[in-house]
């Protein structure tokens, strides 16, 4: 005979949050670090932050229109 298992409704709501939240935060943290690193590298090399177009002395990108690049 199979054991009778009852689930608490609050557990069905909280368990996915408890287990998924740390994973989501880790993924978003890695994504944020990657994007920040990429933007800083592009700024250092004189490229547009949005599309990596070589700007030279331009302040607005002719490719994507990104300002302050």
PDB file of N, CA and C in Angstrom:
ATOM      1  N   UNK A   1       0.846  -1.176   0.000  1.00  0.00           N
ATOM      2  CA  UNK A   1       0.000   0.000   0.000  1.00  0.00           C
ATOM      3  C   UNK A   1       0.894   1.242   0.000  1.00  0.00           C
ATOM      4  N   UNK A   2       0.508   2.237  -0.775  1.00  0.00           N
ATOM      5  CA  UNK A   2       1.269   3.463  -0.871  1.00  0.00           C
ATOM      6  C   UNK A   2       1.012   4.351   0.343  1.00  0.00           C
ATOM      7  N   UNK A   3       2.040   5.051   0.788  1.00  0.00           N
ATOM      8  CA  UNK A   3       1.822   5.950   1.929  1.00  0.00           C
ATOM      9  C   UNK A   3       0.976   7.151   1.523  1.00  0.00           C
ATOM     10  N   UNK A   4       0.198   7.602   2.448  1.00  0.00           N
ATOM     11  CA  UNK A   4      -0.646   8.767   2.207  1.00  0.00           C
ATOM     12  C   UNK A   4       0.160  10.016   2.531  1.00  0.00           C
ATOM     13  N   UNK A   5       0.291  10.890   1.522  1.00  0.00           N
ATOM     14  CA  UNK A   5       1.061  12.111   1.697  1.00  0.00           C
ATOM     15  C   UNK A   5       0.138  13.297   1.484  1.00  0.00           C
ATOM     16  N   UNK A   6       0.156  14.196   2.422  1.00  0.00           N
ATOM     17  CA  UNK A   6      -0.617  15.415   2.260  1.00  0.00           C
ATOM     18  C   UNK A   6       0.366  16.582   2.176  1.00  0.00           C
ATOM     19  N   UNK A   7       0.064  17.496   1.299  1.00  0.00           N
ATOM     20  CA  UNK A   7       0.922  18.653   1.095  1.00  0.00           C
ATOM     21  C   UNK A   7       0.255  19.880   1.702  1.00  0.00           C
ATOM     22  N   UNK A   8       1.064  20.648   2.361  1.00  0.00           N
ATOM     23  CA  UNK A   8       0.564  21.904   2.922  1.00  0.00           C
ATOM     24  C   UNK A   8       0.588  22.955   1.817  1.00  0.00           C
ATOM     25  N   UNK A   9      -0.518  23.676   1.606  1.00  0.00           N
ATOM     26  CA  UNK A   9      -0.566  24.653   0.518  1.00  0.00           C
ATOM     27  C   UNK A   9       0.518  25.731   0.625  1.00  0.00           C
ATOM     28  N   UNK A  10       0.853  26.133   1.825  1.00  0.00           N
ATOM     29  CA  UNK A  10       1.889  27.147   2.001  1.00  0.00           C
ATOM     30  C   UNK A  10       3.246  26.611   1.568  1.00  0.00           C
ATOM     31  N   UNK A  11       3.479  25.333   1.782  1.00  0.00           N
ATOM     32  CA  UNK A  11       4.728  24.719   1.352  1.00  0.00           C
ATOM     33  C   UNK A  11       4.862  24.690  -0.160  1.00  0.00           C
ATOM     34  N   UNK A  12       3.755  24.509  -0.844  1.00  0.00           N
ATOM     35  CA  UNK A  12       3.781  24.506  -2.307  1.00  0.00           C
ATOM     36  C   UNK A  12       4.103  25.890  -2.865  1.00  0.00           C
ATOM     37  N   UNK A  13       3.823  26.924  -2.096  1.00  0.00           N
ATOM     38  CA  UNK A  13       4.127  28.285  -2.537  1.00  0.00           C
ATOM     39  C   UNK A  13       5.540  28.678  -2.127  1.00  0.00           C
ATOM     40  N   UNK A  14       5.923  28.367  -0.908  1.00  0.00           N
ATOM     41  CA  UNK A  14       7.216  28.820  -0.389  1.00  0.00           C
ATOM     42  C   UNK A  14       8.406  28.010  -0.906  1.00  0.00           C
ATOM     43  N   UNK A  15       8.257  26.733  -1.102  1.00  0.00           N
ATOM     44  CA  UNK A  15       9.392  25.917  -1.531  1.00  0.00           C
ATOM     45  C   UNK A  15       9.994  26.363  -2.866  1.00  0.00           C
ATOM     46  N   UNK A  16       9.201  26.618  -3.898  1.00  0.00           N
ATOM     47  CA  UNK A  16       9.821  27.110  -5.137  1.00  0.00           C
ATOM     48  C   UNK A  16      10.537  28.446  -4.948  1.00  0.00           C
ATOM     49  N   UNK A  17       9.971  29.311  -4.103  1.00  0.00           N
ATOM     50  CA  UNK A  17      10.612  30.595  -3.850  1.00  0.00           C
ATOM     51  C   UNK A  17      11.928  30.398  -3.115  1.00  0.00           C
ATOM     52  N   UNK A  18      11.937  29.558  -2.114  1.00  0.00           N
ATOM     53  CA  UNK A  18      13.135  29.333  -1.311  1.00  0.00           C
ATOM     54  C   UNK A  18      14.249  28.725  -2.159  1.00  0.00           C
ATOM     55  N   UNK A  19      13.922  27.814  -3.042  1.00  0.00           N
ATOM     56  CA  UNK A  19      14.948  27.155  -3.848  1.00  0.00           C
ATOM     57  C   UNK A  19      15.314  27.941  -5.108  1.00  0.00           C
ATOM     58  N   UNK A  20      14.364  28.652  -5.692  1.00  0.00           N
ATOM     59  CA  UNK A  20      14.629  29.351  -6.950  1.00  0.00           C
ATOM     60  C   UNK A  20      15.283  30.714  -6.735  1.00  0.00           C
ATOM     61  N   UNK A  21      14.988  31.376  -5.629  1.00  0.00           N
ATOM     62  CA  UNK A  21      15.513  32.718  -5.403  1.00  0.00           C
ATOM     63  C   UNK A  21      17.042  32.765  -5.370  1.00  0.00           C
ATOM     64  N   UNK A  22      17.730  31.901  -4.637  1.00  0.00           N
ATOM     65  CA  UNK A  22      19.196  31.956  -4.667  1.00  0.00           C
ATOM     66  C   UNK A  22      19.783  31.679  -6.052  1.00  0.00           C
ATOM     67  N   UNK A  23      19.191  30.769  -6.781  1.00  0.00           N
ATOM     68  CA  UNK A  23      19.672  30.464  -8.129  1.00  0.00           C
ATOM     69  C   UNK A  23      19.455  31.670  -9.039  1.00  0.00           C
ATOM     70  N   UNK A  24      18.288  32.294  -8.948  1.00  0.00           N
ATOM     71  CA  UNK A  24      17.985  33.467  -9.758  1.00  0.00           C
ATOM     72  C   UNK A  24      18.945  34.607  -9.429  1.00  0.00           C
ATOM     73  N   UNK A  25      19.199  34.837  -8.131  1.00  0.00           N
ATOM     74  CA  UNK A  25      20.119  35.892  -7.731  1.00  0.00           C
ATOM     75  C   UNK A  25      21.529  35.628  -8.243  1.00  0.00           C
ATOM     76  N   UNK A  26      21.965  34.389  -8.208  1.00  0.00           N
ATOM     77  CA  UNK A  26      23.283  34.022  -8.714  1.00  0.00           C
ATOM     78  C   UNK A  26      23.381  34.286 -10.218  1.00  0.00           C
ATOM     79  N   UNK A  27      22.382  33.868 -10.959  1.00  0.00           N
ATOM     80  CA  UNK A  27      22.379  34.071 -12.413  1.00  0.00           C
ATOM     81  C   UNK A  27      22.355  35.563 -12.751  1.00  0.00           C
ATOM     82  N   UNK A  28      21.521  36.330 -12.061  1.00  0.00           N
ATOM     83  CA  UNK A  28      21.453  37.771 -12.329  1.00  0.00           C
ATOM     84  C   UNK A  28      22.749  38.475 -11.921  1.00  0.00           C
ATOM     85  N   UNK A  29      23.385  38.029 -10.860  1.00  0.00           N
ATOM     86  CA  UNK A  29      24.662  38.612 -10.450  1.00  0.00           C
ATOM     87  C   UNK A  29      25.754  38.371 -11.476  1.00  0.00           C
ATOM     88  N   UNK A  30      25.813  37.163 -12.002  1.00  0.00           N
ATOM     89  CA  UNK A  30      26.801  36.839 -13.034  1.00  0.00           C
ATOM     90  C   UNK A  30      26.517  37.646 -14.294  1.00  0.00           C
ATOM     91  N   UNK A  31      25.244  37.770 -14.648  1.00  0.00           N
ATOM     92  CA  UNK A  31      24.861  38.546 -15.839  1.00  0.00           C
ATOM     93  C   UNK A  31      25.248  40.014 -15.661  1.00  0.00           C
ATOM     94  N   UNK A  32      24.956  40.578 -14.491  1.00  0.00           N
ATOM     95  CA  UNK A  32      25.291  41.979 -14.216  1.00  0.00           C
ATOM     96  C   UNK A  32      26.806  42.197 -14.306  1.00  0.00           C
ATOM     97  N   UNK A  33      27.580  41.274 -13.729  1.00  0.00           N
ATOM     98  CA  UNK A  33      29.040  41.403 -13.768  1.00  0.00           C
ATOM     99  C   UNK A  33      29.550  41.346 -15.206  1.00  0.00           C
ATOM    100  N   UNK A  34      29.000  40.461 -16.013  1.00  0.00           N
ATOM    101  CA  UNK A  34      29.418  40.338 -17.409  1.00  0.00           C
ATOM    102  C   UNK A  34      29.102  41.606 -18.192  1.00  0.00           C
ATOM    103  N   UNK A  35      27.897  42.129 -18.018  1.00  0.00           N
ATOM    104  CA  UNK A  35      27.493  43.332 -18.751  1.00  0.00           C
ATOM    105  C   UNK A  35      28.328  44.529 -18.320  1.00  0.00           C
ATOM    106  N   UNK A  36      28.565  44.668 -17.020  1.00  0.00           N
ATOM    107  CA  UNK A  36      29.376  45.779 -16.517  1.00  0.00           C
ATOM    108  C   UNK A  36      30.794  45.695 -17.057  1.00  0.00           C
ATOM    109  N   UNK A  37      31.364  44.508 -17.047  1.00  0.00           N
ATOM    110  CA  UNK A  37      32.726  44.315 -17.551  1.00  0.00           C
ATOM    111  C   UNK A  37      32.809  44.660 -19.036  1.00  0.00           C
ATOM    112  N   UNK A  38      31.818  44.226 -19.796  1.00  0.00           N
ATOM    113  CA  UNK A  38      31.787  44.497 -21.231  1.00  0.00           C
ATOM    114  C   UNK A  38      31.668  45.994 -21.512  1.00  0.00           C
ATOM    115  N   UNK A  39      30.805  46.695 -20.779  1.00  0.00           N
ATOM    116  CA  UNK A  39      30.634  48.135 -20.981  1.00  0.00           C
ATOM    117  C   UNK A  39      31.904  48.899 -20.629  1.00  0.00           C
ATOM    118  N   UNK A  40      32.543  48.548 -19.533  1.00  0.00           N
ATOM    119  CA  UNK A  40      33.784  49.228 -19.146  1.00  0.00           C
ATOM    120  C   UNK A  40      34.892  48.984 -20.160  1.00  0.00           C
ATOM    121  N   UNK A  41      34.955  47.770 -20.685  1.00  0.00           N
ATOM    122  CA  UNK A  41      35.967  47.462 -21.695  1.00  0.00           C
ATOM    123  C   UNK A  41      35.732  48.280 -22.952  1.00  0.00           C
ATOM    124  N   UNK A  42      34.467  48.372 -23.382  1.00  0.00           N
ATOM    125  CA  UNK A  42      34.145  49.149 -24.582  1.00  0.00           C
ATOM    126  C   UNK A  42      34.463  50.629 -24.389  1.00  0.00           C
ATOM    127  N   UNK A  43      34.168  51.169 -23.207  1.00  0.00           N
ATOM    128  CA  UNK A  43      34.500  52.571 -22.929  1.00  0.00           C
ATOM    129  C   UNK A  43      36.003  52.790 -22.987  1.00  0.00           C
ATOM    130  N   UNK A  44      36.750  51.873 -22.400  1.00  0.00           N
ATOM    131  CA  UNK A  44      38.206  51.992 -22.374  1.00  0.00           C
ATOM    132  C   UNK A  44      38.804  51.958 -23.774  1.00  0.00           C
ATOM    133  N   UNK A  45      38.223  51.170 -24.656  1.00  0.00           N
ATOM    134  CA  UNK A  45      38.732  51.033 -26.019  1.00  0.00           C
ATOM    135  C   UNK A  45      38.188  52.096 -26.974  1.00  0.00           C
ATOM    136  N   UNK A  46      37.310  52.970 -26.497  1.00  0.00           N
ATOM    137  CA  UNK A  46      36.752  54.020 -27.345  1.00  0.00           C
ATOM    138  C   UNK A  46      35.650  53.526 -28.252  1.00  0.00           C
ATOM    139  N   UNK A  47      34.936  52.507 -27.823  1.00  0.00           N
ATOM    140  CA  UNK A  47      33.837  51.953 -28.609  1.00  0.00           C
ATOM    141  C   UNK A  47      32.503  52.378 -28.010  1.00  0.00           C
ATOM    142  N   UNK A  48      31.465  52.283 -28.812  1.00  0.00           N
ATOM    143  CA  UNK A  48      30.120  52.551 -28.306  1.00  0.00           C
ATOM    144  C   UNK A  48      29.748  51.470 -27.301  1.00  0.00           C
ATOM    145  N   UNK A  49      29.157  51.884 -26.199  1.00  0.00           N
ATOM    146  CA  UNK A  49      28.770  50.937 -25.156  1.00  0.00           C
ATOM    147  C   UNK A  49      27.630  50.036 -25.626  1.00  0.00           C
ATOM    148  N   UNK A  50      26.766  50.560 -26.477  1.00  0.00           N
ATOM    149  CA  UNK A  50      25.604  49.796 -26.922  1.00  0.00           C
ATOM    150  C   UNK A  50      25.879  48.798 -28.030  1.00  0.00           C
ATOM    151  N   UNK A  51      26.695  49.203 -29.043  1.00  0.00           N
ATOM    152  CA  UNK A  51      26.847  48.327 -30.213  1.00  0.00           C
ATOM    153  C   UNK A  51      28.303  48.046 -30.597  1.00  0.00           C
ATOM    154  N   UNK A  52      29.262  48.600 -29.862  1.00  0.00           N
ATOM    155  CA  UNK A  52      30.700  48.388 -30.082  1.00  0.00           C
ATOM    156  C   UNK A  52      31.205  49.012 -31.379  1.00  0.00           C
ATOM    157  N   UNK A  53      30.516  50.046 -31.869  1.00  0.00           N
ATOM    158  CA  UNK A  53      30.976  50.776 -33.046  1.00  0.00           C
ATOM    159  C   UNK A  53      32.149  51.651 -32.640  1.00  0.00           C
ATOM    160  N   UNK A  54      33.180  51.726 -33.477  1.00  0.00           N
ATOM    161  CA  UNK A  54      34.346  52.545 -33.157  1.00  0.00           C
ATOM    162  C   UNK A  54      33.976  54.015 -33.294  1.00  0.00           C
ATOM    163  N   UNK A  55      34.058  54.750 -32.180  1.00  0.00           N
ATOM    164  CA  UNK A  55      33.589  56.131 -32.161  1.00  0.00           C
ATOM    165  C   UNK A  55      34.653  57.149 -32.531  1.00  0.00           C
ATOM    166  N   UNK A  56      35.868  56.920 -32.127  1.00  0.00           N
ATOM    167  CA  UNK A  56      36.900  57.920 -32.356  1.00  0.00           C
ATOM    168  C   UNK A  56      36.637  59.132 -31.483  1.00  0.00           C
ATOM    169  N   UNK A  57      36.356  60.290 -32.101  1.00  0.00           N
ATOM    170  CA  UNK A  57      36.103  61.524 -31.353  1.00  0.00           C
ATOM    171  C   UNK A  57      34.612  61.854 -31.252  1.00  0.00           C
ATOM    172  N   UNK A  58      33.745  61.002 -31.739  1.00  0.00           N
ATOM    173  CA  UNK A  58      32.307  61.267 -31.713  1.00  0.00           C
ATOM    174  C   UNK A  58      31.750  61.089 -30.306  1.00  0.00           C
ATOM    175  N   UNK A  59      30.715  61.858 -29.984  1.00  0.00           N
ATOM    176  CA  UNK A  59      30.071  61.710 -28.678  1.00  0.00           C
ATOM    177  C   UNK A  59      28.760  60.937 -28.782  1.00  0.00           C
ATOM    178  N   UNK A  60      28.187  60.873 -29.988  1.00  0.00           N
ATOM    179  CA  UNK A  60      26.959  60.121 -30.223  1.00  0.00           C
ATOM    180  C   UNK A  60      27.246  59.074 -31.286  1.00  0.00           C
ATOM    181  N   UNK A  61      26.818  57.857 -31.029  1.00  0.00           N
ATOM    182  CA  UNK A  61      27.071  56.768 -31.961  1.00  0.00           C
ATOM    183  C   UNK A  61      26.200  56.902 -33.211  1.00  0.00           C
ATOM    184  N   UNK A  62      26.788  56.867 -34.417  1.00  0.00           N
ATOM    185  CA  UNK A  62      25.992  56.954 -35.645  1.00  0.00           C
ATOM    186  C   UNK A  62      25.232  55.655 -35.937  1.00  0.00           C
ATOM    187  N   UNK A  63      25.642  54.553 -35.352  1.00  0.00           N
ATOM    188  CA  UNK A  63      24.980  53.270 -35.593  1.00  0.00           C
ATOM    189  C   UNK A  63      23.685  53.131 -34.802  1.00  0.00           C
ATOM    190  N   UNK A  64      23.773  53.351 -33.472  1.00  0.00           N
ATOM    191  CA  UNK A  64      22.609  53.095 -32.623  1.00  0.00           C
ATOM    192  C   UNK A  64      22.049  54.344 -31.951  1.00  0.00           C
ATOM    193  N   UNK A  65      22.783  55.457 -32.025  1.00  0.00           N
ATOM    194  CA  UNK A  65      22.295  56.702 -31.425  1.00  0.00           C
ATOM    195  C   UNK A  65      22.531  56.815 -29.936  1.00  0.00           C
ATOM    196  N   UNK A  66      23.345  55.953 -29.385  1.00  0.00           N
ATOM    197  CA  UNK A  66      23.640  55.966 -27.954  1.00  0.00           C
ATOM    198  C   UNK A  66      24.462  57.209 -27.626  1.00  0.00           C
ATOM    199  N   UNK A  67      24.016  57.967 -26.628  1.00  0.00           N
ATOM    200  CA  UNK A  67      24.725  59.192 -26.246  1.00  0.00           C
ATOM    201  C   UNK A  67      25.671  58.927 -25.083  1.00  0.00           C
ATOM    202  N   UNK A  68      26.665  59.779 -24.958  1.00  0.00           N
ATOM    203  CA  UNK A  68      27.583  59.685 -23.840  1.00  0.00           C
ATOM    204  C   UNK A  68      28.537  58.512 -23.929  1.00  0.00           C
ATOM    205  N   UNK A  69      28.688  57.995 -25.100  1.00  0.00           N
ATOM    206  CA  UNK A  69      29.566  56.836 -25.273  1.00  0.00           C
ATOM    207  C   UNK A  69      31.005  57.272 -25.387  1.00  0.00           C
TER     208      UNK A  69
END
